[in-house]
C-alpha atoms as a PDB file:
ATOM      1  CA  MET A   1       0.047   0.044   0.015  1.00  0.00           C
ATOM      2  CA  ASN A   2       1.540   3.052  -1.276  1.00  0.00           C
ATOM      3  CA  PHE A   3      -1.373   5.674  -1.111  1.00  0.00           C
ATOM      4  CA  CYS A   4      -4.241   6.410   1.036  1.00  0.00           C
ATOM      5  CA  SER A   5      -7.597   5.201  -0.468  1.00  0.00           C
ATOM      6  CA  ASP A   6      -9.376   8.379   0.932  1.00  0.00           C
ATOM      7  CA  CYS A   7      -7.477  11.214  -0.229  1.00  0.00           C
ATOM      8  CA  GLY A   8      -4.414   9.866  -2.089  1.00  0.00           C
ATOM      9  CA  ALA A   9      -1.714  10.999  -0.260  1.00  0.00           C
ATOM     10  CA  LYS A  10       1.175   9.183   0.489  1.00  0.00           C
ATOM     11  CA  VAL A  11       0.932   6.401   3.790  1.00  0.00           C
ATOM     12  CA  SER A  12       3.684   5.517   6.134  1.00  0.00           C
ATOM     13  CA  LEU A  13       4.039   2.244   8.249  1.00  0.00           C
ATOM     14  CA  GLN A  14       3.528   3.718  11.880  1.00  0.00           C
ATOM     15  CA  ALA A  15       2.983   1.874  15.440  1.00  0.00           C
ATOM     16  CA  ILE A  16      -0.081   3.138  16.853  1.00  0.00           C
ATOM     17  CA  ALA A  17      -0.435   3.109  20.770  1.00  0.00           C
ATOM     18  CA  GLY A  18      -2.216  -0.065  21.698  1.00  0.00           C
ATOM     19  CA  ASP A  19      -1.431  -2.205  18.766  1.00  0.00           C
ATOM     20  CA  GLU A  20       1.820  -3.921  18.684  1.00  0.00           C
ATOM     21  CA  ARG A  21       2.044  -4.033  14.878  1.00  0.00           C
ATOM     22  CA  GLN A  22       2.968  -1.455  12.461  1.00  0.00           C
ATOM     23  CA  ARG A  23       0.063  -0.079  10.114  1.00  0.00           C
ATOM     24  CA  TYR A  24      -0.085   2.148   7.298  1.00  0.00           C
ATOM     25  CA  VAL A  25      -1.452   5.505   8.099  1.00  0.00           C
ATOM     26  CA  CYS A  26      -2.074   8.670   6.266  1.00  0.00           C
ATOM     27  CA  THR A  27       0.228  11.146   6.719  1.00  0.00           C
ATOM     28  CA  ASP A  28      -2.705  13.926   5.547  1.00  0.00           C
ATOM     29  CA  CYS A  29      -5.893  12.636   6.619  1.00  0.00           C
END
């Protein structure tokens, strides 16, 4: 996954609080 399905911006792998795995997160929305 390279781009957000909602806005089309780039996504990045980030660790979210309470989750042990890294997830793709949109940097804009």
